[in-house]
Amino acid sequence: MKKILTLISILIVTSIAFISLKYLENNNNSKIPTAIINNHTFKLDLAKTQQEKAIGLSKKDMLEKNAGMLFMFEKPSNLSFWMKDMKFPIDIIFIKNNRIVTIHKNVMPPGNSNDMLPTYSSKQPADTVLEINAGLSEKYNFKENDLVRLDNI
């Protein structure tokens, strides 16, 4: 009888531990910032501070397939981005009020020259910029005026 009670106790403790781990795992995943455009979800790194915005993706060697970096600004303005120290091509998506206003596709990293770096600007004021892997805007057929849903920001 003692062995049966011990076995039942072990099963109960193991079950509680398993359920607790699953709960924590699900809650941690739900806190990941994401952008959803046309049913395509991107896991985001957030550039919150001025320094993070200045560095952007330049410290990364690559992005995972459906990952990106999000830059948010207090009020809409005519924004310009450049590719200083970037190592890989990206698509730059300018957003205002959760709608795409401009897409710069397949923006290449700069060469090794000391020339002036080109800038990539929004056609109209924007309050958010999303950078994703080059070619995904084309592959997923993103267009101006598409809705962008931001979660866990």
C-alpha atoms as a PDB file:
ATOM      1  CA  MET A   1       0.000   0.000   0.000  1.00  0.00           C
ATOM      2  CA  LYS A   2       2.875   2.343   0.850  1.00  0.00           C
ATOM      3  CA  LYS A   3       4.435   1.739  -2.600  1.00  0.00           C
ATOM      4  CA  ILE A   4       1.152   2.576  -4.342  1.00  0.00           C
ATOM      5  CA  LEU A   5       0.788   5.851  -2.419  1.00  0.00           C
ATOM      6  CA  THR A   6       4.393   6.767  -3.208  1.00  0.00           C
ATOM      7  CA  LEU A   7       3.836   6.022  -6.910  1.00  0.00           C
ATOM      8  CA  ILE A   8       0.622   8.078  -6.972  1.00  0.00           C
ATOM      9  CA  SER A   9       2.423  10.969  -5.242  1.00  0.00           C
ATOM     10  CA  ILE A  10       5.234  10.861  -7.811  1.00  0.00           C
ATOM     11  CA  LEU A  11       2.716  10.854 -10.674  1.00  0.00           C
ATOM     12  CA  ILE A  12       0.853  13.825  -9.196  1.00  0.00           C
ATOM     13  CA  VAL A  13       4.042  15.844  -8.663  1.00  0.00           C
ATOM     14  CA  THR A  14       5.284  15.001 -12.177  1.00  0.00           C
ATOM     15  CA  SER A  15       1.930  15.988 -13.704  1.00  0.00           C
ATOM     16  CA  ILE A  16       1.873  19.300 -11.835  1.00  0.00           C
ATOM     17  CA  ALA A  17       5.451  20.053 -12.909  1.00  0.00           C
ATOM     18  CA  PHE A  18       4.641  19.239 -16.560  1.00  0.00           C
ATOM     19  CA  ILE A  19       1.510  21.410 -16.560  1.00  0.00           C
ATOM     20  CA  SER A  20       3.423  24.276 -14.916  1.00  0.00           C
ATOM     21  CA  LEU A  21       6.190  24.114 -17.538  1.00  0.00           C
ATOM     22  CA  LYS A  22       3.661  24.126 -20.382  1.00  0.00           C
ATOM     23  CA  TYR A  23       1.871  27.107 -18.829  1.00  0.00           C
ATOM     24  CA  LEU A  24       5.131  29.070 -18.508  1.00  0.00           C
ATOM     25  CA  GLU A  25       6.156  28.151 -22.049  1.00  0.00           C
ATOM     26  CA  ASN A  26       2.832  29.329 -23.498  1.00  0.00           C
ATOM     27  CA  ASN A  27       2.884  32.585 -21.525  1.00  0.00           C
ATOM     28  CA  ASN A  28       6.469  33.369 -22.580  1.00  0.00           C
ATOM     29  CA  ASN A  29       5.643  32.774 -26.259  1.00  0.00           C
ATOM     30  CA  SER A  30       2.612  35.038 -26.073  1.00  0.00           C
ATOM     31  CA  LYS A  31       4.825  37.957 -24.985  1.00  0.00           C
ATOM     32  CA  ILE A  32       6.965  37.927 -28.138  1.00  0.00           C
ATOM     33  CA  PRO A  33       6.460  41.144 -30.139  1.00  0.00           C
ATOM     34  CA  THR A  34       5.081  40.391 -33.597  1.00  0.00           C
ATOM     35  CA  ALA A  35       3.944  42.132 -36.762  1.00  0.00           C
ATOM     36  CA  ILE A  36       1.320  40.478 -38.935  1.00  0.00           C
ATOM     37  CA  ILE A  37       0.845  41.526 -42.564  1.00  0.00           C
ATOM     38  CA  ASN A  38      -1.444  39.556 -44.899  1.00  0.00           C
ATOM     39  CA  ASN A  39      -1.417  36.567 -42.514  1.00  0.00           C
ATOM     40  CA  HIS A  40       2.401  36.499 -42.368  1.00  0.00           C
ATOM     41  CA  THR A  41       3.827  36.827 -38.865  1.00  0.00           C
ATOM     42  CA  PHE A  42       7.234  38.316 -38.070  1.00  0.00           C
ATOM     43  CA  LYS A  43       8.919  37.956 -34.673  1.00  0.00           C
ATOM     44  CA  LEU A  44      10.345  41.344 -33.802  1.00  0.00           C
ATOM     45  CA  ASP A  45      13.294  42.912 -32.090  1.00  0.00           C
ATOM     46  CA  LEU A  46      12.298  46.380 -30.908  1.00  0.00           C
ATOM     47  CA  ALA A  47      14.542  49.400 -31.365  1.00  0.00           C
ATOM     48  CA  LYS A  48      13.307  51.530 -28.465  1.00  0.00           C
ATOM     49  CA  THR A  49      16.111  53.908 -27.519  1.00  0.00           C
ATOM     50  CA  GLN A  50      17.842  56.429 -29.776  1.00  0.00           C
ATOM     51  CA  GLN A  51      20.995  54.294 -29.631  1.00  0.00           C
ATOM     52  CA  GLU A  52      19.093  51.122 -30.589  1.00  0.00           C
ATOM     53  CA  LYS A  53      17.479  52.999 -33.469  1.00  0.00           C
ATOM     54  CA  ALA A  54      20.865  54.289 -34.661  1.00  0.00           C
ATOM     55  CA  ILE A  55      22.404  50.793 -34.586  1.00  0.00           C
ATOM     56  CA  GLY A  56      19.360  48.992 -35.971  1.00  0.00           C
ATOM     57  CA  LEU A  57      20.263  45.679 -37.583  1.00  0.00           C
ATOM     58  CA  SER A  58      23.889  46.639 -38.276  1.00  0.00           C
ATOM     59  CA  LYS A  59      25.244  44.394 -35.494  1.00  0.00           C
ATOM     60  CA  LYS A  60      23.535  41.304 -36.929  1.00  0.00           C
ATOM     61  CA  ASP A  61      24.970  39.034 -39.594  1.00  0.00           C
ATOM     62  CA  MET A  62      21.506  37.874 -40.672  1.00  0.00           C
ATOM     63  CA  LEU A  63      17.840  37.654 -39.710  1.00  0.00           C
ATOM     64  CA  GLU A  64      15.831  34.499 -39.250  1.00  0.00           C
ATOM     65  CA  LYS A  65      13.373  33.992 -42.116  1.00  0.00           C
ATOM     66  CA  ASN A  66      10.310  35.574 -40.515  1.00  0.00           C
ATOM     67  CA  ALA A  67      12.010  37.976 -38.135  1.00  0.00           C
ATOM     68  CA  GLY A  68      12.374  41.721 -38.238  1.00  0.00           C
ATOM     69  CA  MET A  69      13.182  44.886 -36.370  1.00  0.00           C
ATOM     70  CA  LEU A  70      10.569  47.477 -35.494  1.00  0.00           C
ATOM     71  CA  PHE A  71      11.274  51.182 -35.016  1.00  0.00           C
ATOM     72  CA  MET A  72       8.478  53.240 -33.454  1.00  0.00           C
ATOM     73  CA  PHE A  73       8.319  57.035 -33.331  1.00  0.00           C
ATOM     74  CA  GLU A  74       6.143  59.326 -31.212  1.00  0.00           C
ATOM     75  CA  LYS A  75       4.487  61.138 -34.096  1.00  0.00           C
ATOM     76  CA  PRO A  76       4.347  60.727 -37.866  1.00  0.00           C
ATOM     77  CA  SER A  77       7.123  62.462 -39.784  1.00  0.00           C
ATOM     78  CA  ASN A  78       9.075  62.110 -43.007  1.00  0.00           C
ATOM     79  CA  LEU A  79      11.541  59.410 -41.985  1.00  0.00           C
ATOM     80  CA  SER A  80      14.781  58.437 -43.712  1.00  0.00           C
ATOM     81  CA  PHE A  81      16.879  55.330 -43.112  1.00  0.00           C
ATOM     82  CA  TRP A  82      20.290  54.293 -44.366  1.00  0.00           C
ATOM     83  CA  MET A  83      22.256  51.036 -44.458  1.00  0.00           C
ATOM     84  CA  LYS A  84      25.336  52.111 -42.485  1.00  0.00           C
ATOM     85  CA  ASP A  85      27.393  49.051 -41.443  1.00  0.00           C
ATOM     86  CA  MET A  86      24.704  46.623 -42.659  1.00  0.00           C
ATOM     87  CA  LYS A  87      25.845  43.162 -43.723  1.00  0.00           C
ATOM     88  CA  PHE A  88      22.775  41.836 -45.548  1.00  0.00           C
ATOM     89  CA  PRO A  89      19.939  43.161 -47.756  1.00  0.00           C
ATOM     90  CA  ILE A  90      16.541  44.040 -46.305  1.00  0.00           C
ATOM     91  CA  ASP A  91      13.115  45.363 -47.186  1.00  0.00           C
ATOM     92  CA  ILE A  92      12.258  48.616 -45.393  1.00  0.00           C
ATOM     93  CA  ILE A  93       8.549  49.112 -44.750  1.00  0.00           C
ATOM     94  CA  PHE A  94       7.280  52.528 -43.601  1.00  0.00           C
ATOM     95  CA  ILE A  95       3.976  52.472 -41.708  1.00  0.00           C
ATOM     96  CA  LYS A  96       1.500  55.099 -40.525  1.00  0.00           C
ATOM     97  CA  ASN A  97      -1.547  54.289 -38.391  1.00  0.00           C
ATOM     98  CA  ASN A  98      -0.958  50.560 -38.970  1.00  0.00           C
ATOM     99  CA  ARG A  99      -1.001  50.879 -42.766  1.00  0.00           C
ATOM    100  CA  ILE A 100       1.963  50.518 -45.127  1.00  0.00           C
ATOM    101  CA  VAL A 101       2.776  53.865 -46.757  1.00  0.00           C
ATOM    102  CA  THR A 102       6.078  53.000 -48.494  1.00  0.00           C
ATOM    103  CA  ILE A 103       8.105  49.864 -49.228  1.00  0.00           C
ATOM    104  CA  HIS A 104      11.758  49.892 -50.286  1.00  0.00           C
ATOM    105  CA  LYS A 105      12.447  46.386 -51.591  1.00  0.00           C
ATOM    106  CA  ASN A 106      15.785  44.561 -51.725  1.00  0.00           C
ATOM    107  CA  VAL A 107      17.857  47.367 -50.216  1.00  0.00           C
ATOM    108  CA  MET A 108      21.469  46.236 -50.493  1.00  0.00           C
ATOM    109  CA  PRO A 109      24.163  46.821 -47.883  1.00  0.00           C
ATOM    110  CA  PRO A 110      26.770  49.406 -48.815  1.00  0.00           C
ATOM    111  CA  GLY A 111      29.989  48.396 -50.532  1.00  0.00           C
ATOM    112  CA  ASN A 112      33.378  49.168 -49.061  1.00  0.00           C
ATOM    113  CA  SER A 113      33.503  52.618 -50.593  1.00  0.00           C
ATOM    114  CA  ASN A 114      33.651  55.899 -48.712  1.00  0.00           C
ATOM    115  CA  ASP A 115      30.899  57.347 -50.884  1.00  0.00           C
ATOM    116  CA  MET A 116      27.847  58.987 -49.379  1.00  0.00           C
ATOM    117  CA  LEU A 117      25.354  56.386 -48.255  1.00  0.00           C
ATOM    118  CA  PRO A 118      21.962  56.563 -49.944  1.00  0.00           C
ATOM    119  CA  THR A 119      18.929  57.172 -47.754  1.00  0.00           C
ATOM    120  CA  TYR A 120      15.556  55.477 -48.045  1.00  0.00           C
ATOM    121  CA  SER A 121      12.599  57.686 -47.170  1.00  0.00           C
ATOM    122  CA  SER A 122       8.875  57.390 -46.713  1.00  0.00           C
ATOM    123  CA  LYS A 123       6.683  58.915 -49.424  1.00  0.00           C
ATOM    124  CA  GLN A 124       4.530  60.434 -46.702  1.00  0.00           C
ATOM    125  CA  PRO A 125       4.818  60.821 -42.937  1.00  0.00           C
ATOM    126  CA  ALA A 126       5.253  57.525 -41.053  1.00  0.00           C
ATOM    127  CA  ASP A 127       5.273  56.621 -37.372  1.00  0.00           C
ATOM    128  CA  THR A 128       6.718  53.095 -37.585  1.00  0.00           C
ATOM    129  CA  VAL A 129       9.332  51.301 -39.669  1.00  0.00           C
ATOM    130  CA  LEU A 130       9.655  47.540 -40.089  1.00  0.00           C
ATOM    131  CA  GLU A 131      12.819  45.987 -41.490  1.00  0.00           C
ATOM    132  CA  ILE A 132      12.589  42.389 -42.747  1.00  0.00           C
ATOM    133  CA  ASN A 133      14.660  40.113 -44.958  1.00  0.00           C
ATOM    134  CA  ALA A 134      15.017  41.280 -48.545  1.00  0.00           C
ATOM    135  CA  GLY A 135      12.527  39.767 -50.949  1.00  0.00           C
ATOM    136  CA  LEU A 136       9.796  38.944 -48.443  1.00  0.00           C
ATOM    137  CA  SER A 137       7.692  42.005 -49.347  1.00  0.00           C
ATOM    138  CA  GLU A 138       7.669  40.783 -52.934  1.00  0.00           C
ATOM    139  CA  LYS A 139       7.188  37.108 -52.033  1.00  0.00           C
ATOM    140  CA  TYR A 140       4.234  37.861 -49.752  1.00  0.00           C
ATOM    141  CA  ASN A 141       2.851  40.530 -52.118  1.00  0.00           C
ATOM    142  CA  PHE A 142       2.876  43.387 -49.597  1.00  0.00           C
ATOM    143  CA  LYS A 143       1.493  46.631 -50.975  1.00  0.00           C
ATOM    144  CA  GLU A 144       0.956  50.182 -49.836  1.00  0.00           C
ATOM    145  CA  ASN A 145      -2.167  50.487 -47.669  1.00  0.00           C
ATOM    146  CA  ASP A 146      -1.900  46.879 -46.397  1.00  0.00           C
ATOM    147  CA  LEU A 147      -2.855  46.570 -42.728  1.00  0.00           C
ATOM    148  CA  VAL A 148      -0.054  45.881 -40.218  1.00  0.00           C
ATOM    149  CA  ARG A 149      -1.129  44.374 -36.904  1.00  0.00           C
ATOM    150  CA  LEU A 150       1.369  44.786 -34.069  1.00  0.00           C
ATOM    151  CA  ASP A 151       1.062  42.518 -31.021  1.00  0.00           C
ATOM    152  CA  ASN A 152       2.898  42.509 -27.674  1.00  0.00           C
ATOM    153  CA  ILE A 153       4.702  45.767 -28.405  1.00  0.00           C
END
